[in-house]
Protein backbone atom coordinates (compact mmCIF):
# COMPACT_ATOMS: atom_id res chain seq x y z
CA MET A 1 -55.59 53.63 -22.95
CA ASN A 2 -57.46 56.80 -22.03
CA LEU A 3 -56.12 58.76 -19.11
CA PRO A 4 -58.47 60.13 -16.45
CA ASP A 5 -58.87 63.93 -16.80
CA GLN A 6 -56.70 64.66 -13.77
CA ALA A 7 -53.95 62.38 -15.08
CA GLN A 8 -54.07 64.16 -18.45
CA GLN A 9 -53.73 67.51 -16.65
CA ALA A 10 -50.78 66.18 -14.66
CA LEU A 11 -49.11 64.85 -17.80
CA GLU A 12 -49.51 68.18 -19.61
CA ALA A 13 -48.29 70.21 -16.62
CA PHE A 14 -45.25 68.06 -15.89
CA THR A 15 -44.32 67.66 -19.56
CA ALA A 16 -44.38 71.46 -19.94
CA ALA A 17 -42.06 71.90 -16.93
CA GLY A 18 -38.59 72.15 -18.42
CA SER A 19 -36.40 71.48 -15.42
CA TRP A 20 -36.36 69.32 -12.32
CA GLU A 21 -36.74 72.49 -10.20
CA GLN A 22 -39.98 73.35 -12.04
CA ARG A 23 -41.27 69.79 -11.65
CA ALA A 24 -40.37 69.81 -7.94
CA ARG A 25 -42.33 73.06 -7.47
CA LEU A 26 -45.25 71.54 -9.39
CA LEU A 27 -45.13 68.46 -7.14
CA MET A 28 -45.38 70.69 -4.05
CA LEU A 29 -48.38 72.52 -5.56
CA TRP A 30 -50.13 69.27 -6.47
CA GLY A 31 -49.48 67.96 -2.96
CA GLU A 32 -51.21 71.00 -1.46
CA LYS A 33 -54.35 70.17 -3.48
CA LEU A 34 -54.82 66.70 -1.95
CA GLU A 35 -58.21 66.07 -0.40
CA PRO A 36 -57.54 66.19 3.35
CA LEU A 37 -57.91 63.15 5.56
CA ALA A 38 -59.73 63.57 8.85
CA GLU A 39 -57.60 63.04 11.94
CA CYS A 40 -59.56 59.83 12.68
CA GLU A 41 -58.59 58.48 9.23
CA ARG A 42 -54.90 58.81 10.07
CA ASN A 43 -54.90 55.52 11.94
CA ASP A 44 -52.85 52.36 11.78
CA LEU A 45 -55.45 50.56 9.69
CA ASN A 46 -55.09 53.18 6.91
CA ARG A 47 -51.32 53.51 7.25
CA VAL A 48 -49.28 52.24 4.33
CA HIS A 49 -46.41 50.13 5.60
CA GLY A 50 -43.26 50.05 3.49
CA CYS A 51 -42.94 53.84 3.24
CA GLU A 52 -40.13 55.70 5.01
CA SER A 53 -42.48 58.66 5.49
CA GLN A 54 -45.83 58.20 7.14
CA VAL A 55 -48.52 57.68 4.49
CA TRP A 56 -52.23 57.06 5.01
CA LEU A 57 -54.60 55.82 2.31
CA VAL A 58 -58.39 55.62 2.27
CA GLY A 59 -60.43 54.16 -0.61
CA THR A 60 -64.12 54.14 -1.44
CA LEU A 61 -65.93 52.26 -4.18
CA SER A 62 -68.72 54.00 -6.08
CA ASN A 63 -70.40 52.78 -9.29
CA GLY A 64 -67.64 50.21 -9.86
CA GLN A 65 -64.86 52.81 -9.68
CA TRP A 66 -62.41 53.39 -6.88
CA HIS A 67 -61.70 56.80 -5.41
CA PHE A 68 -58.67 57.09 -3.18
CA ARG A 69 -57.52 59.79 -0.80
CA ALA A 70 -54.07 59.85 0.73
CA THR A 71 -51.71 62.07 2.63
CA SER A 72 -48.22 62.01 4.07
CA ASP A 73 -46.17 63.85 6.65
CA ALA A 74 -43.62 64.68 3.91
CA ARG A 75 -44.28 67.46 1.35
CA LEU A 76 -42.56 65.81 -1.61
CA ILE A 77 -44.38 62.54 -0.91
CA ARG A 78 -47.72 64.39 -0.84
CA GLY A 79 -46.93 65.66 -4.34
CA LEU A 80 -46.03 62.18 -5.57
CA LEU A 81 -49.23 60.84 -4.00
CA ALA A 82 -51.23 63.57 -5.74
CA VAL A 83 -49.98 62.57 -9.21
CA LEU A 84 -50.46 58.90 -8.36
CA LEU A 85 -54.06 59.56 -7.27
CA ALA A 86 -54.63 61.61 -10.43
CA ARG A 87 -53.64 58.51 -12.41
CA VAL A 88 -55.66 55.90 -10.50
CA ASN A 89 -58.84 57.61 -9.32
CA GLY A 90 -61.84 56.49 -11.31
CA LEU A 91 -60.11 53.52 -12.92
CA PRO A 92 -61.95 50.23 -13.21
CA ILE A 93 -60.41 47.52 -11.02
CA GLY A 94 -58.80 45.76 -14.00
CA GLU A 95 -56.91 48.88 -15.08
CA LEU A 96 -55.84 49.55 -11.49
CA ALA A 97 -54.41 46.03 -11.31
CA ALA A 98 -52.51 46.52 -14.59
CA LEU A 99 -51.14 50.01 -13.89
CA ASP A 100 -47.40 50.38 -14.55
CA LEU A 101 -46.28 52.83 -11.87
CA ALA A 102 -42.73 53.22 -13.19
CA ASP A 103 -44.07 54.03 -16.66
CA TRP A 104 -46.42 56.70 -15.26
CA PHE A 105 -43.64 58.49 -13.35
CA ASN A 106 -41.42 58.14 -16.41
CA GLN A 107 -44.06 59.86 -18.57
CA LEU A 108 -44.21 62.70 -16.03
CA GLY A 109 -40.43 63.09 -16.14
CA LEU A 110 -40.16 62.17 -12.46
CA ALA A 111 -38.69 58.66 -12.65
CA ARG A 112 -35.03 59.68 -12.38
CA GLN A 113 -35.71 61.64 -9.22
CA LEU A 114 -37.42 58.74 -7.46
CA SER A 115 -34.97 57.26 -4.99
CA PRO A 116 -35.27 53.49 -4.45
CA SER A 117 -36.94 54.10 -1.06
CA ARG A 118 -39.49 56.54 -2.59
CA SER A 119 -40.14 54.13 -5.43
CA ASN A 120 -40.66 51.27 -2.95
CA GLY A 121 -42.97 53.46 -0.89
CA LEU A 122 -45.10 54.39 -3.91
CA ASN A 123 -45.25 50.74 -4.92
CA ALA A 124 -46.44 49.94 -1.39
CA VAL A 125 -49.21 52.56 -1.83
CA LEU A 126 -50.24 51.01 -5.15
CA MET A 127 -50.23 47.50 -3.60
CA LYS A 128 -52.47 48.74 -0.76
CA MET A 129 -54.84 50.26 -3.36
CA ARG A 130 -55.00 46.92 -5.15
CA GLU A 131 -55.63 45.09 -1.83
CA LEU A 132 -58.50 47.47 -1.02
CA ALA A 133 -59.92 47.01 -4.52
CA LEU A 134 -60.03 43.22 -4.29
């Protein structure tokens, strides 16, 4: 399966990072590059429930491909959202439905650092993406 360009960049960057500290710094940097959400988009309708931190997700469909934007009140979560968005943006609906989130974070070398609550939260984000896409 071909990775979107951004996902390929994420994979190369995180694979090159030798330690968890380097990956954590990378996550913070990726989180700062998220497309911002307008204040009016940070509403209850766009809020992802099931996350300990506050997370908002907005999706738009263009030419049969979904483009998502998301943000969180937590820095580390913003970084995790950024690498998730890198993986899913531009995917056809079928690939979005089949995406293995655990495998993606494993490839990035981030799986061991995902606490159960963070993992559940990211799964909630992915489920909301799939709901929007249907």
